[in-house]
mmCIF file of all heavy atoms, coordinates in Angstrom:
data_MODEL
# 
_entry.id   MODEL 
# 
loop_
_atom_site.group_PDB 
_atom_site.id 
_atom_site.type_symbol 
_atom_site.label_atom_id 
_atom_site.label_alt_id 
_atom_site.label_comp_id 
_atom_site.label_asym_id 
_atom_site.label_entity_id 
_atom_site.label_seq_id 
_atom_site.pdbx_PDB_ins_code 
_atom_site.Cartn_x 
_atom_site.Cartn_y 
_atom_site.Cartn_z 
_atom_site.occupancy 
_atom_site.B_iso_or_equiv 
_atom_site.pdbx_formal_charge 
_atom_site.auth_seq_id 
_atom_site.auth_comp_id 
_atom_site.auth_asym_id 
_atom_site.auth_atom_id 
_atom_site.pdbx_PDB_model_num 
ATOM 1   N N   . LEU A 1 1  ? 13.053  -9.062  -7.272  1.00 0.00 ? 1  LEU A N   1 
ATOM 2   C CA  . LEU A 1 1  ? 13.915  -8.584  -6.190  1.00 0.00 ? 1  LEU A CA  1 
ATOM 3   C C   . LEU A 1 1  ? 13.172  -7.555  -5.337  1.00 0.00 ? 1  LEU A C   1 
ATOM 4   O O   . LEU A 1 1  ? 13.349  -7.499  -4.126  1.00 0.00 ? 1  LEU A O   1 
ATOM 5   C CB  . LEU A 1 1  ? 15.183  -7.941  -6.761  1.00 0.00 ? 1  LEU A CB  1 
ATOM 6   C CG  . LEU A 1 1  ? 16.121  -8.840  -7.559  1.00 0.00 ? 1  LEU A CG  1 
ATOM 7   C CD1 . LEU A 1 1  ? 17.223  -8.017  -8.201  1.00 0.00 ? 1  LEU A CD1 1 
ATOM 8   C CD2 . LEU A 1 1  ? 16.704  -9.917  -6.648  1.00 0.00 ? 1  LEU A CD2 1 
ATOM 9   N N   . PHE A 1 2  ? 12.356  -6.731  -6.012  1.00 0.00 ? 2  PHE A N   1 
ATOM 10  C CA  . PHE A 1 2  ? 11.712  -5.599  -5.366  1.00 0.00 ? 2  PHE A CA  1 
ATOM 11  C C   . PHE A 1 2  ? 10.212  -5.612  -5.684  1.00 0.00 ? 2  PHE A C   1 
ATOM 12  O O   . PHE A 1 2  ? 9.809   -6.100  -6.730  1.00 0.00 ? 2  PHE A O   1 
ATOM 13  C CB  . PHE A 1 2  ? 12.336  -4.289  -5.851  1.00 0.00 ? 2  PHE A CB  1 
ATOM 14  C CG  . PHE A 1 2  ? 13.845  -4.339  -5.885  1.00 0.00 ? 2  PHE A CG  1 
ATOM 15  C CD1 . PHE A 1 2  ? 14.525  -4.342  -7.084  1.00 0.00 ? 2  PHE A CD1 1 
ATOM 16  C CD2 . PHE A 1 2  ? 14.565  -4.417  -4.707  1.00 0.00 ? 2  PHE A CD2 1 
ATOM 17  C CE1 . PHE A 1 2  ? 15.915  -4.411  -7.119  1.00 0.00 ? 2  PHE A CE1 1 
ATOM 18  C CE2 . PHE A 1 2  ? 15.954  -4.497  -4.730  1.00 0.00 ? 2  PHE A CE2 1 
ATOM 19  C CZ  . PHE A 1 2  ? 16.634  -4.491  -5.933  1.00 0.00 ? 2  PHE A CZ  1 
ATOM 20  N N   . ALA A 1 3  ? 9.419   -5.031  -4.799  1.00 0.00 ? 3  ALA A N   1 
ATOM 21  C CA  . ALA A 1 3  ? 7.973   -4.994  -5.002  1.00 0.00 ? 3  ALA A CA  1 
ATOM 22  C C   . ALA A 1 3  ? 7.606   -3.889  -5.991  1.00 0.00 ? 3  ALA A C   1 
ATOM 23  O O   . ALA A 1 3  ? 8.162   -2.795  -5.953  1.00 0.00 ? 3  ALA A O   1 
ATOM 24  C CB  . ALA A 1 3  ? 7.264   -4.759  -3.669  1.00 0.00 ? 3  ALA A CB  1 
ATOM 25  N N   . LEU A 1 4  ? 6.655   -4.201  -6.872  1.00 0.00 ? 4  LEU A N   1 
ATOM 26  C CA  . LEU A 1 4  ? 6.075   -3.209  -7.769  1.00 0.00 ? 4  LEU A CA  1 
ATOM 27  C C   . LEU A 1 4  ? 4.580   -3.172  -7.503  1.00 0.00 ? 4  LEU A C   1 
ATOM 28  O O   . LEU A 1 4  ? 3.903   -4.203  -7.566  1.00 0.00 ? 4  LEU A O   1 
ATOM 29  C CB  . LEU A 1 4  ? 6.336   -3.564  -9.238  1.00 0.00 ? 4  LEU A CB  1 
ATOM 30  C CG  . LEU A 1 4  ? 5.725   -2.611  -10.266 1.00 0.00 ? 4  LEU A CG  1 
ATOM 31  C CD1 . LEU A 1 4  ? 6.262   -1.179  -10.096 1.00 0.00 ? 4  LEU A CD1 1 
ATOM 32  C CD2 . LEU A 1 4  ? 5.976   -3.103  -11.678 1.00 0.00 ? 4  LEU A CD2 1 
ATOM 33  N N   . LYS A 1 5  ? 4.089   -1.970  -7.182  1.00 0.00 ? 5  LYS A N   1 
ATOM 34  C CA  . LYS A 1 5  ? 2.675   -1.797  -6.869  1.00 0.00 ? 5  LYS A CA  1 
ATOM 35  C C   . LYS A 1 5  ? 2.037   -0.891  -7.915  1.00 0.00 ? 5  LYS A C   1 
ATOM 36  O O   . LYS A 1 5  ? 2.701   -0.016  -8.472  1.00 0.00 ? 5  LYS A O   1 
ATOM 37  C CB  . LYS A 1 5  ? 2.505   -1.180  -5.476  1.00 0.00 ? 5  LYS A CB  1 
ATOM 38  C CG  . LYS A 1 5  ? 3.076   -2.066  -4.380  1.00 0.00 ? 5  LYS A CG  1 
ATOM 39  C CD  . LYS A 1 5  ? 2.883   -1.456  -3.016  1.00 0.00 ? 5  LYS A CD  1 
ATOM 40  C CE  . LYS A 1 5  ? 3.438   -2.403  -1.949  1.00 0.00 ? 5  LYS A CE  1 
ATOM 41  N NZ  . LYS A 1 5  ? 2.993   -2.027  -0.614  1.00 0.00 ? 5  LYS A NZ  1 
ATOM 42  N N   . VAL A 1 6  ? 0.728   -1.126  -8.164  1.00 0.00 ? 6  VAL A N   1 
ATOM 43  C CA  . VAL A 1 6  ? -0.018  -0.320  -9.132  1.00 0.00 ? 6  VAL A CA  1 
ATOM 44  C C   . VAL A 1 6  ? -1.358  0.048   -8.518  1.00 0.00 ? 6  VAL A C   1 
ATOM 45  O O   . VAL A 1 6  ? -1.990  -0.766  -7.849  1.00 0.00 ? 6  VAL A O   1 
ATOM 46  C CB  . VAL A 1 6  ? -0.256  -1.077  -10.458 1.00 0.00 ? 6  VAL A CB  1 
ATOM 47  C CG1 . VAL A 1 6  ? -1.006  -0.211  -11.453 1.00 0.00 ? 6  VAL A CG1 1 
ATOM 48  C CG2 . VAL A 1 6  ? 1.052   -1.558  -11.043 1.00 0.00 ? 6  VAL A CG2 1 
ATOM 49  N N   . GLU A 1 7  ? -1.776  1.279   -8.802  1.00 0.00 ? 7  GLU A N   1 
ATOM 50  C CA  . GLU A 1 7  ? -3.080  1.742   -8.330  1.00 0.00 ? 7  GLU A CA  1 
ATOM 51  C C   . GLU A 1 7  ? -3.768  2.496   -9.467  1.00 0.00 ? 7  GLU A C   1 
ATOM 52  O O   . GLU A 1 7  ? -3.131  3.293   -10.154 1.00 0.00 ? 7  GLU A O   1 
ATOM 53  C CB  . GLU A 1 7  ? -2.898  2.667   -7.126  1.00 0.00 ? 7  GLU A CB  1 
ATOM 54  C CG  . GLU A 1 7  ? -4.182  3.095   -6.475  1.00 0.00 ? 7  GLU A CG  1 
ATOM 55  C CD  . GLU A 1 7  ? -3.943  3.942   -5.224  1.00 0.00 ? 7  GLU A CD  1 
ATOM 56  O OE1 . GLU A 1 7  ? -2.787  4.287   -4.910  1.00 0.00 ? 7  GLU A OE1 1 
ATOM 57  O OE2 . GLU A 1 7  ? -4.938  4.261   -4.559  1.00 0.00 ? 7  GLU A OE2 1 
ATOM 58  N N   . ALA A 1 8  ? -5.060  2.216   -9.668  1.00 0.00 ? 8  ALA A N   1 
ATOM 59  C CA  . ALA A 1 8  ? -5.868  2.948   -10.652 1.00 0.00 ? 8  ALA A CA  1 
ATOM 60  C C   . ALA A 1 8  ? -6.442  4.165   -9.944  1.00 0.00 ? 8  ALA A C   1 
ATOM 61  O O   . ALA A 1 8  ? -7.135  4.039   -8.936  1.00 0.00 ? 8  ALA A O   1 
ATOM 62  C CB  . ALA A 1 8  ? -6.990  2.060   -11.180 1.00 0.00 ? 8  ALA A CB  1 
ATOM 63  N N   . LEU A 1 9  ? -6.142  5.353   -10.465 1.00 0.00 ? 9  LEU A N   1 
ATOM 64  C CA  . LEU A 1 9  ? -6.588  6.593   -9.832  1.00 0.00 ? 9  LEU A CA  1 
ATOM 65  C C   . LEU A 1 9  ? -7.691  7.261   -10.637 1.00 0.00 ? 9  LEU A C   1 
ATOM 66  O O   . LEU A 1 9  ? -7.592  7.374   -11.864 1.00 0.00 ? 9  LEU A O   1 
ATOM 67  C CB  . LEU A 1 9  ? -5.413  7.568   -9.699  1.00 0.00 ? 9  LEU A CB  1 
ATOM 68  C CG  . LEU A 1 9  ? -4.198  7.082   -8.912  1.00 0.00 ? 9  LEU A CG  1 
ATOM 69  C CD1 . LEU A 1 9  ? -3.081  8.116   -8.984  1.00 0.00 ? 9  LEU A CD1 1 
ATOM 70  C CD2 . LEU A 1 9  ? -4.575  6.783   -7.481  1.00 0.00 ? 9  LEU A CD2 1 
ATOM 71  N N   . ASN A 1 10 ? -8.716  7.702   -9.967  1.00 0.00 ? 10 ASN A N   1 
ATOM 72  C CA  . ASN A 1 10 ? -9.800  8.505   -10.552 1.00 0.00 ? 10 ASN A CA  1 
ATOM 73  C C   . ASN A 1 10 ? -10.425 7.899   -11.810 1.00 0.00 ? 10 ASN A C   1 
ATOM 74  O O   . ASN A 1 10 ? -10.485 8.561   -12.852 1.00 0.00 ? 10 ASN A O   1 
ATOM 75  C CB  . ASN A 1 10 ? -9.298  9.927   -10.858 1.00 0.00 ? 10 ASN A CB  1 
ATOM 76  C CG  . ASN A 1 10 ? -8.713  10.592  -9.638  1.00 0.00 ? 10 ASN A CG  1 
ATOM 77  O OD1 . ASN A 1 10 ? -9.302  10.549  -8.565  1.00 0.00 ? 10 ASN A OD1 1 
ATOM 78  N ND2 . ASN A 1 10 ? -7.553  11.191  -9.795  1.00 0.00 ? 10 ASN A ND2 1 
ATOM 79  N N   . PRO A 1 11 ? -10.902 6.663   -11.751 1.00 0.00 ? 11 PRO A N   1 
ATOM 80  C CA  . PRO A 1 11 ? -11.546 6.101   -12.944 1.00 0.00 ? 11 PRO A CA  1 
ATOM 81  C C   . PRO A 1 11 ? -12.819 6.875   -13.280 1.00 0.00 ? 11 PRO A C   1 
ATOM 82  O O   . PRO A 1 11 ? -13.570 7.250   -12.378 1.00 0.00 ? 11 PRO A O   1 
ATOM 83  C CB  . PRO A 1 11 ? -11.855 4.658   -12.539 1.00 0.00 ? 11 PRO A CB  1 
ATOM 84  C CG  . PRO A 1 11 ? -11.880 4.658   -11.047 1.00 0.00 ? 11 PRO A CG  1 
ATOM 85  C CD  . PRO A 1 11 ? -10.946 5.742   -10.606 1.00 0.00 ? 11 PRO A CD  1 
ATOM 86  N N   . THR A 1 12 ? -13.042 7.118   -14.572 1.00 0.00 ? 12 THR A N   1 
ATOM 87  C CA  . THR A 1 12 ? -14.248 7.839   -15.002 1.00 0.00 ? 12 THR A CA  1 
ATOM 88  C C   . THR A 1 12 ? -15.471 6.934   -14.979 1.00 0.00 ? 12 THR A C   1 
ATOM 89  O O   . THR A 1 12 ? -16.590 7.422   -14.981 1.00 0.00 ? 12 THR A O   1 
ATOM 90  C CB  . THR A 1 12 ? -14.065 8.422   -16.407 1.00 0.00 ? 12 THR A CB  1 
ATOM 91  O OG1 . THR A 1 12 ? -13.748 7.361   -17.320 1.00 0.00 ? 12 THR A OG1 1 
ATOM 92  C CG2 . THR A 1 12 ? -12.962 9.469   -16.426 1.00 0.00 ? 12 THR A CG2 1 
ATOM 93  N N   . GLN A 1 13 ? -15.269 5.631   -14.983 1.00 0.00 ? 13 GLN A N   1 
ATOM 94  C CA  . GLN A 1 13 ? -16.332 4.624   -14.879 1.00 0.00 ? 13 GLN A CA  1 
ATOM 95  C C   . GLN A 1 13 ? -15.812 3.498   -14.003 1.00 0.00 ? 13 GLN A C   1 
ATOM 96  O O   . GLN A 1 13 ? -14.627 3.224   -13.968 1.00 0.00 ? 13 GLN A O   1 
ATOM 97  C CB  . GLN A 1 13 ? -16.704 4.050   -16.253 1.00 0.00 ? 13 GLN A CB  1 
ATOM 98  C CG  . GLN A 1 13 ? -17.228 5.051   -17.249 1.00 0.00 ? 13 GLN A CG  1 
ATOM 99  C CD  . GLN A 1 13 ? -18.616 5.527   -16.894 1.00 0.00 ? 13 GLN A CD  1 
ATOM 100 O OE1 . GLN A 1 13 ? -19.429 4.793   -16.340 1.00 0.00 ? 13 GLN A OE1 1 
ATOM 101 N NE2 . GLN A 1 13 ? -18.903 6.782   -17.187 1.00 0.00 ? 13 GLN A NE2 1 
ATOM 102 N N   . GLY A 1 14 ? -16.708 2.825   -13.316 1.00 0.00 ? 14 GLY A N   1 
ATOM 103 C CA  . GLY A 1 14 ? -16.317 1.663   -12.540 1.00 0.00 ? 14 GLY A CA  1 
ATOM 104 C C   . GLY A 1 14 ? -15.725 2.020   -11.194 1.00 0.00 ? 14 GLY A C   1 
ATOM 105 O O   . GLY A 1 14 ? -15.755 3.168   -10.749 1.00 0.00 ? 14 GLY A O   1 
ATOM 106 N N   . THR A 1 15 ? -15.150 1.006   -10.562 1.00 0.00 ? 15 THR A N   1 
ATOM 107 C CA  . THR A 1 15 ? -14.606 1.127   -9.216  1.00 0.00 ? 15 THR A CA  1 
ATOM 108 C C   . THR A 1 15 ? -13.170 0.630   -9.207  1.00 0.00 ? 15 THR A C   1 
ATOM 109 O O   . THR A 1 15 ? -12.892 -0.482  -9.661  1.00 0.00 ? 15 THR A O   1 
ATOM 110 C CB  . THR A 1 15 ? -15.432 0.267   -8.231  1.00 0.00 ? 15 THR A CB  1 
ATOM 111 O OG1 . THR A 1 15 ? -16.806 0.619   -8.345  1.00 0.00 ? 15 THR A OG1 1 
ATOM 112 C CG2 . THR A 1 15 ? -14.966 0.453   -6.808  1.00 0.00 ? 15 THR A CG2 1 
ATOM 113 N N   . ALA A 1 16 ? -12.272 1.427   -8.660  1.00 0.00 ? 16 ALA A N   1 
ATOM 114 C CA  . ALA A 1 16 ? -10.872 1.024   -8.557  1.00 0.00 ? 16 ALA A CA  1 
ATOM 115 C C   . ALA A 1 16 ? -10.672 0.143   -7.339  1.00 0.00 ? 16 ALA A C   1 
ATOM 116 O O   . ALA A 1 16 ? -11.241 0.388   -6.275  1.00 0.00 ? 16 ALA A O   1 
ATOM 117 C CB  . ALA A 1 16 ? -9.981  2.252   -8.451  1.00 0.00 ? 16 ALA A CB  1 
ATOM 118 N N   . ALA A 1 17 ? -9.857  -0.900  -7.494  1.00 0.00 ? 17 ALA A N   1 
ATOM 119 C CA  . ALA A 1 17 ? -9.462  -1.731  -6.362  1.00 0.00 ? 17 ALA A CA  1 
ATOM 120 C C   . ALA A 1 17 ? -8.421  -0.960  -5.552  1.00 0.00 ? 17 ALA A C   1 
ATOM 121 O O   . ALA A 1 17 ? -7.906  0.076   -5.988  1.00 0.00 ? 17 ALA A O   1 
ATOM 122 C CB  . ALA A 1 17 ? -8.872  -3.043  -6.866  1.00 0.00 ? 17 ALA A CB  1 
ATOM 123 N N   . SER A 1 18 ? -8.087  -1.480  -4.398  1.00 0.00 ? 18 SER A N   1 
ATOM 124 C CA  . SER A 1 18 ? -6.989  -0.918  -3.610  1.00 0.00 ? 18 SER A CA  1 
ATOM 125 C C   . SER A 1 18 ? -5.691  -1.128  -4.371  1.00 0.00 ? 18 SER A C   1 
ATOM 126 O O   . SER A 1 18 ? -5.640  -1.885  -5.340  1.00 0.00 ? 18 SER A O   1 
ATOM 127 C CB  . SER A 1 18 ? -6.907  -1.614  -2.257  1.00 0.00 ? 18 SER A CB  1 
ATOM 128 O OG  . SER A 1 18 ? -8.106  -1.458  -1.544  1.00 0.00 ? 18 SER A OG  1 
ATOM 129 N N   . GLU A 1 19 ? -4.641  -0.507  -3.917  1.00 0.00 ? 19 GLU A N   1 
ATOM 130 C CA  . GLU A 1 19 ? -3.329  -0.678  -4.533  1.00 0.00 ? 19 GLU A CA  1 
ATOM 131 C C   . GLU A 1 19 ? -2.990  -2.169  -4.626  1.00 0.00 ? 19 GLU A C   1 
ATOM 132 O O   . GLU A 1 19 ? -3.200  -2.921  -3.681  1.00 0.00 ? 19 GLU A O   1 
ATOM 133 C CB  . GLU A 1 19 ? -2.282  0.056   -3.700  1.00 0.00 ? 19 GLU A CB  1 
ATOM 134 C CG  . GLU A 1 19 ? -0.894  0.013   -4.283  1.00 0.00 ? 19 GLU A CG  1 
ATOM 135 C CD  . GLU A 1 19 ? 0.085   0.810   -3.446  1.00 0.00 ? 19 GLU A CD  1 
ATOM 136 O OE1 . GLU A 1 19 ? 0.271   0.459   -2.249  1.00 0.00 ? 19 GLU A OE1 1 
ATOM 137 O OE2 . GLU A 1 19 ? 0.655   1.776   -3.977  1.00 0.00 ? 19 GLU A OE2 1 
ATOM 138 N N   . VAL A 1 20 ? -2.490  -2.579  -5.784  1.00 0.00 ? 20 VAL A N   1 
ATOM 139 C CA  . VAL A 1 20 ? -2.188  -3.988  -6.064  1.00 0.00 ? 20 VAL A CA  1 
ATOM 140 C C   . VAL A 1 20 ? -0.675  -4.180  -6.099  1.00 0.00 ? 20 VAL A C   1 
ATOM 141 O O   . VAL A 1 20 ? 0.028   -3.425  -6.768  1.00 0.00 ? 20 VAL A O   1 
ATOM 142 C CB  . VAL A 1 20 ? -2.775  -4.396  -7.442  1.00 0.00 ? 20 VAL A CB  1 
ATOM 143 C CG1 . VAL A 1 20 ? -2.347  -5.798  -7.820  1.00 0.00 ? 20 VAL A CG1 1 
ATOM 144 C CG2 . VAL A 1 20 ? -4.283  -4.248  -7.457  1.00 0.00 ? 20 VAL A CG2 1 
ATOM 145 N N   . THR A 1 21 ? -0.184  -5.179  -5.367  1.00 0.00 ? 21 THR A N   1 
ATOM 146 C CA  . THR A 1 21 ? 1.216   -5.585  -5.494  1.00 0.00 ? 21 THR A CA  1 
ATOM 147 C C   . THR A 1 21 ? 1.272   -6.643  -6.586  1.00 0.00 ? 21 THR A C   1 
ATOM 148 O O   . THR A 1 21 ? 0.625   -7.686  -6.493  1.00 0.00 ? 21 THR A O   1 
ATOM 149 C CB  . THR A 1 21 ? 1.753   -6.159  -4.165  1.00 0.00 ? 21 THR A CB  1 
ATOM 150 O OG1 . THR A 1 21 ? 1.653   -5.143  -3.157  1.00 0.00 ? 21 THR A OG1 1 
ATOM 151 C CG2 . THR A 1 21 ? 3.204   -6.573  -4.317  1.00 0.00 ? 21 THR A CG2 1 
ATOM 152 N N   . LEU A 1 22 ? 2.021   -6.350  -7.648  1.00 0.00 ? 22 LEU A N   1 
ATOM 153 C CA  . LEU A 1 22 ? 2.025   -7.230  -8.813  1.00 0.00 ? 22 LEU A CA  1 
ATOM 154 C C   . LEU A 1 22 ? 2.686   -8.573  -8.535  1.00 0.00 ? 22 LEU A C   1 
ATOM 155 O O   . LEU A 1 22 ? 3.702   -8.661  -7.848  1.00 0.00 ? 22 LEU A O   1 
ATOM 156 C CB  . LEU A 1 22 ? 2.744   -6.566  -9.983  1.00 0.00 ? 22 LEU A CB  1 
ATOM 157 C CG  . LEU A 1 22 ? 2.010   -5.389  -10.625 1.00 0.00 ? 22 LEU A CG  1 
ATOM 158 C CD1 . LEU A 1 22 ? 2.807   -4.844  -11.794 1.00 0.00 ? 22 LEU A CD1 1 
ATOM 159 C CD2 . LEU A 1 22 ? 0.635   -5.796  -11.082 1.00 0.00 ? 22 LEU A CD2 1 
ATOM 160 N N   . SER A 1 23 ? 2.079   -9.599  -9.124  1.00 0.00 ? 23 SER A N   1 
ATOM 161 C CA  . SER A 1 23 ? 2.629   -10.950 -9.103  1.00 0.00 ? 23 SER A CA  1 
ATOM 162 C C   . SER A 1 23 ? 2.230   -11.619 -10.416 1.00 0.00 ? 23 SER A C   1 
ATOM 163 O O   . SER A 1 23 ? 1.576   -11.003 -11.257 1.00 0.00 ? 23 SER A O   1 
ATOM 164 C CB  . SER A 1 23 ? 2.095   -11.739 -7.904  1.00 0.00 ? 23 SER A CB  1 
ATOM 165 O OG  . SER A 1 23 ? 0.754   -12.123 -8.116  1.00 0.00 ? 23 SER A OG  1 
ATOM 166 N N   . THR A 1 24 ? 2.605   -12.866 -10.587 1.00 0.00 ? 24 THR A N   1 
ATOM 167 C CA  . THR A 1 24 ? 2.251   -13.591 -11.805 1.00 0.00 ? 24 THR A CA  1 
ATOM 168 C C   . THR A 1 24 ? 0.803   -14.073 -11.776 1.00 0.00 ? 24 THR A C   1 
ATOM 169 O O   . THR A 1 24 ? 0.313   -14.604 -12.762 1.00 0.00 ? 24 THR A O   1 
ATOM 170 C CB  . THR A 1 24 ? 3.189   -14.785 -12.027 1.00 0.00 ? 24 THR A CB  1 
ATOM 171 O OG1 . THR A 1 24 ? 3.161   -15.620 -10.863 1.00 0.00 ? 24 THR A OG1 1 
ATOM 172 C CG2 . THR A 1 24 ? 4.615   -14.321 -12.296 1.00 0.00 ? 24 THR A CG2 1 
ATOM 173 N N   . THR A 1 25 ? 0.120   -13.885 -10.665 1.00 0.00 ? 25 THR A N   1 
ATOM 174 C CA  . THR A 1 25 ? -1.305  -14.193 -10.548 1.00 0.00 ? 25 THR A CA  1 
ATOM 175 C C   . THR A 1 25 ? -2.097  -12.916 -10.802 1.00 0.00 ? 25 THR A C   1 
ATOM 176 O O   . THR A 1 25 ? -1.812  -11.878 -10.194 1.00 0.00 ? 25 THR A O   1 
ATOM 177 C CB  . THR A 1 25 ? -1.636  -14.732 -9.137  1.00 0.00 ? 25 THR A CB  1 
ATOM 178 O OG1 . THR A 1 25 ? -0.841  -15.893 -8.901  1.00 0.00 ? 25 THR A OG1 1 
ATOM 179 C CG2 . THR A 1 25 ? -3.100  -15.068 -9.012  1.00 0.00 ? 25 THR A CG2 1 
ATOM 180 N N   . ALA A 1 26 ? -3.069  -12.973 -11.705 1.00 0.00 ? 26 ALA A N   1 
ATOM 181 C CA  . ALA A 1 26 ? -3.870  -11.787 -12.031 1.00 0.00 ? 26 ALA A CA  1 
ATOM 182 C C   . ALA A 1 26 ? -4.622  -11.289 -10.800 1.00 0.00 ? 26 ALA A C   1 
ATOM 183 O O   . ALA A 1 26 ? -5.187  -12.076 -10.044 1.00 0.00 ? 26 ALA A O   1 
ATOM 184 C CB  . ALA A 1 26 ? -4.859  -12.111 -13.149 1.00 0.00 ? 26 ALA A CB  1 
# 
């Protein structure tokens, strides 16, 4: 019904992607 977004903040290793809008596709 509603959008759910996730963002990885301040990773100690690696690179965070932009904010992701969740779906059933990885």
